[in-house]
C-alpha cells in the first residue's frame, strides 16, 4: 500500500485550505466548474476535506474508487481541486455501502443510486458518483474498478484510487483542456 499517496493528499488538502481561507463564497458550485480551471475555482474548494468520507467509505465496506483530480493528486499531480469523484460498480450492495458512508458524513439529500452519474454533498466534500454505465468518451471504465490501487491512511483506513494508467486514459477520453493538461502532467511523473 502506498502511504506516500496519502501524504500527498494530506499536503494538498492543507494547501487547498490555506489558499481558500480568505476566499469569499461566490455561489459557484463544483457543477459550475469551467473546463480550464476546474473545481478549485468554485466554492467546492472552501473547507474541502475528503478524509471523513474516505474513512466512512472504508468503514462501510465500500469498494468505490477515487477518480478525478483527487486520484491525480495521490499520484503526484500538483493541481488542486474542490471535489471528490468516485467510481462504483452500480450494484445494490455497493449502493447500500455508499448510502451508509454518505449518511455517516452528513449527507442531507441522498443521491439517486439508479443513475449512472449522481451528485452528492457531505460535510467537507461533494462530487460525482459515477458507474461504468456513464459514457466516458470511448473508454470502458469498468476494468478500472478491479485495477484500482490502495493507500493506507495512518488513522487506520484504506483509500482505493484509480491506477495511474487508467487515470491518464480517463483524462484523455474526456478531452477537456484541464484533462489534457493533467494527463500530460501525470505522464511526466516518474514511476518507480
Protein backbone atom coordinates (compact mmCIF):
# COMPACT_ATOMS: atom_id res chain seq x y z
CA UNK A 1 0.00 0.00 0.00
CA UNK A 2 1.19 3.46 -0.91
CA UNK A 3 1.42 5.74 2.14
CA UNK A 4 3.16 8.43 0.05
CA UNK A 5 -0.11 8.88 -1.86
CA UNK A 6 -1.92 9.70 1.38
CA UNK A 7 0.81 12.13 2.37
CA UNK A 8 0.46 13.91 -0.99
CA UNK A 9 -3.29 14.17 -0.47
CA UNK A 10 -2.87 15.47 3.10
CA UNK A 11 -0.46 18.13 1.86
CA UNK A 12 -2.81 19.11 -0.97
CA UNK A 13 -5.78 19.42 1.41
CA UNK A 14 -3.70 21.75 3.61
CA UNK A 15 -2.73 23.80 0.53
CA UNK A 16 -6.38 23.99 -0.54
CA UNK A 17 -7.43 25.14 2.92
CA UNK A 18 -4.59 27.69 3.12
CA UNK A 19 -5.32 29.01 -0.38
CA UNK A 20 -9.05 29.41 0.21
CA UNK A 21 -9.04 30.61 3.83
CA UNK A 22 -9.65 34.24 2.83
CA UNK A 23 -11.71 33.48 -0.28
CA UNK A 24 -15.32 34.63 -0.18
CA UNK A 25 -18.06 32.30 -1.35
CA UNK A 26 -19.27 33.11 -4.85
CA UNK A 27 -22.24 30.78 -5.10
CA UNK A 28 -20.49 28.73 -7.81
CA UNK A 29 -20.69 25.04 -7.01
CA UNK A 30 -18.47 22.27 -8.40
CA UNK A 31 -21.11 21.56 -11.06
CA UNK A 32 -20.36 25.04 -12.44
CA UNK A 33 -16.61 24.46 -12.80
CA UNK A 34 -15.15 25.53 -16.09
CA UNK A 35 -13.17 23.23 -18.35
CA UNK A 36 -9.88 25.02 -17.71
CA UNK A 37 -9.63 25.95 -14.01
CA UNK A 38 -11.65 23.04 -12.63
CA UNK A 39 -13.41 22.83 -9.28
CA UNK A 40 -10.64 24.52 -7.30
CA UNK A 41 -12.04 27.83 -8.62
CA UNK A 42 -15.51 27.05 -7.18
CA UNK A 43 -16.97 27.11 -3.69
CA UNK A 44 -16.34 23.36 -3.52
CA UNK A 45 -12.76 24.15 -2.53
CA UNK A 46 -13.91 26.12 0.53
CA UNK A 47 -13.44 23.82 3.53
CA UNK A 48 -12.57 20.88 1.28
CA UNK A 49 -11.65 17.82 3.34
CA UNK A 50 -12.26 14.43 1.71
CA UNK A 51 -10.87 12.37 4.59
CA UNK A 52 -14.06 11.93 6.66
CA UNK A 53 -15.87 10.49 3.63
CA UNK A 54 -12.90 8.37 2.61
CA UNK A 55 -12.77 6.91 6.11
CA UNK A 56 -16.55 6.34 6.12
CA UNK A 57 -16.30 4.51 2.78
CA UNK A 58 -13.70 2.18 4.27
CA UNK A 59 -15.78 1.60 7.42
CA UNK A 60 -18.92 0.91 5.36
CA UNK A 61 -17.07 -1.73 3.31
CA UNK A 62 -17.40 0.27 0.09
CA UNK A 63 -15.34 -0.69 -2.93
CA UNK A 64 -15.77 2.72 -4.59
CA UNK A 65 -12.66 4.06 -6.27
CA UNK A 66 -11.45 7.66 -6.13
CA UNK A 67 -11.19 9.15 -9.61
CA UNK A 68 -10.63 12.67 -10.92
CA UNK A 69 -8.18 15.14 -9.50
CA UNK A 70 -8.05 13.64 -6.00
CA UNK A 71 -6.69 10.48 -7.61
CA UNK A 72 -4.37 12.68 -9.67
CA UNK A 73 -3.05 14.30 -6.50
CA UNK A 74 -2.49 10.88 -4.95
CA UNK A 75 -0.36 10.01 -7.99
CA UNK A 76 1.64 13.23 -7.73
CA UNK A 77 -0.31 15.94 -9.55
CA UNK A 78 0.24 19.40 -8.08
CA UNK A 79 -3.04 20.92 -9.28
CA UNK A 80 -5.60 21.47 -6.54
CA UNK A 81 -9.27 20.53 -6.59
CA UNK A 82 -12.58 21.20 -4.92
CA UNK A 83 -14.40 17.90 -5.33
CA UNK A 84 -14.11 14.18 -4.70
CA UNK A 85 -15.40 12.00 -7.54
CA UNK A 86 -15.95 8.28 -7.12
CA UNK A 87 -16.42 5.33 -9.48
CA UNK A 88 -18.56 2.46 -8.20
CA UNK A 89 -20.00 -0.69 -9.74
CA UNK A 90 -23.71 0.21 -9.57
CA UNK A 91 -24.73 -2.89 -7.61
CA UNK A 92 -27.34 -2.78 -4.81
CA UNK A 93 -24.70 -3.95 -2.31
CA UNK A 94 -22.38 -1.09 -3.17
CA UNK A 95 -25.28 1.38 -3.17
CA UNK A 96 -26.01 0.27 0.40
CA UNK A 97 -22.37 0.83 1.45
CA UNK A 98 -22.31 4.24 -0.24
CA UNK A 99 -25.57 5.19 1.43
CA UNK A 100 -24.09 4.27 4.84
CA UNK A 101 -20.92 6.27 4.20
CA UNK A 102 -22.77 9.32 2.91
CA UNK A 103 -25.21 9.28 5.81
CA UNK A 104 -22.38 8.94 8.33
CA UNK A 105 -20.72 12.08 6.92
CA UNK A 106 -23.75 14.34 6.91
CA UNK A 107 -25.40 13.85 3.53
CA UNK A 108 -28.80 15.52 3.88
CA UNK A 109 -30.12 14.52 0.43
CA UNK A 110 -29.05 11.08 -0.73
CA UNK A 111 -28.37 10.85 -4.46
CA UNK A 112 -30.32 8.66 -6.84
CA UNK A 113 -28.23 5.47 -6.92
CA UNK A 114 -30.09 4.30 -10.04
CA UNK A 115 -28.37 6.97 -12.14
CA UNK A 116 -25.03 6.45 -13.89
CA UNK A 117 -23.91 9.83 -12.52
CA UNK A 118 -25.27 11.42 -9.37
CA UNK A 119 -24.12 14.39 -7.33
CA UNK A 120 -23.60 14.10 -3.58
CA UNK A 121 -22.65 16.52 -0.82
CA UNK A 122 -21.35 15.71 2.66
CA UNK A 123 -19.52 17.69 5.30
CA UNK A 124 -16.19 18.65 3.74
CA UNK A 125 -16.71 17.31 0.23
CA UNK A 126 -19.00 16.98 -2.73
CA UNK A 127 -18.66 15.38 -6.10
CA UNK A 128 -20.00 12.84 -8.56
CA UNK A 129 -20.78 9.19 -8.01
CA UNK A 130 -20.21 7.51 -11.38
CA UNK A 131 -20.87 3.98 -12.53
CA UNK A 132 -19.29 2.32 -15.60
CA UNK A 133 -22.61 2.95 -17.40
CA UNK A 134 -21.70 6.64 -17.61
CA UNK A 135 -20.35 7.35 -21.13
CA UNK A 136 -16.65 8.20 -20.80
CA UNK A 137 -15.63 9.01 -24.32
CA UNK A 138 -14.70 5.72 -25.97
CA UNK A 139 -13.37 4.23 -22.72
CA UNK A 140 -14.91 1.38 -20.74
CA UNK A 141 -14.29 2.32 -17.11
CA UNK A 142 -15.46 -0.96 -15.54
CA UNK A 143 -11.95 -2.56 -15.57
CA UNK A 144 -10.70 0.45 -13.58
CA UNK A 145 -12.53 -0.89 -10.52
CA UNK A 146 -10.52 -4.11 -10.46
CA UNK A 147 -7.23 -2.40 -11.27
CA UNK A 148 -7.55 0.25 -8.55
CA UNK A 149 -4.62 0.72 -6.20
CA UNK A 150 -4.76 1.28 -2.45
CA UNK A 151 -3.17 3.63 0.03
CA UNK A 152 -3.24 3.27 3.80
CA UNK A 153 -4.01 6.29 5.97
CA UNK A 154 -2.14 6.35 9.32
CA UNK A 155 -5.52 6.66 11.08
CA UNK A 156 -6.25 3.07 10.06
CA UNK A 157 -8.29 3.17 6.87
CA UNK A 158 -7.60 2.35 3.23
CA UNK A 159 -8.30 4.55 0.23
CA UNK A 160 -8.85 2.91 -3.16
CA UNK A 161 -7.96 5.11 -6.13
CA UNK A 162 -7.62 4.78 -9.87
CA UNK A 163 -4.41 3.25 -11.18
CA UNK A 164 -2.17 5.80 -12.91
CA UNK A 165 -2.54 4.44 -16.47
CA UNK A 166 -6.32 4.24 -16.10
CA UNK A 167 -6.48 7.79 -14.77
CA UNK A 168 -4.43 9.09 -17.69
CA UNK A 169 -6.70 7.24 -20.13
CA UNK A 170 -9.79 8.65 -18.38
CA UNK A 171 -8.38 12.17 -18.66
CA UNK A 172 -7.61 11.76 -22.36
CA UNK A 173 -11.04 10.21 -23.06
CA UNK A 174 -12.81 13.21 -21.52
CA UNK A 175 -10.67 15.60 -23.53
CA UNK A 176 -11.38 18.91 -21.78
CA UNK A 177 -8.47 21.38 -21.59
CA UNK A 178 -7.89 20.66 -17.89
CA UNK A 179 -7.95 16.90 -18.58
CA UNK A 180 -5.30 17.12 -21.31
CA UNK A 181 -3.13 19.34 -19.10
CA UNK A 182 -3.49 16.98 -16.13
CA UNK A 183 -2.88 13.88 -18.27
CA UNK A 184 0.31 15.47 -19.60
CA UNK A 185 1.41 16.22 -16.04
CA UNK A 186 0.70 12.64 -14.94
CA UNK A 187 2.57 11.30 -17.98
CA UNK A 188 5.64 13.24 -16.86
CA UNK A 189 5.66 11.80 -13.32
CA UNK A 190 8.40 9.18 -12.97
CA UNK A 191 7.07 5.78 -11.96
CA UNK A 192 9.32 3.80 -9.86
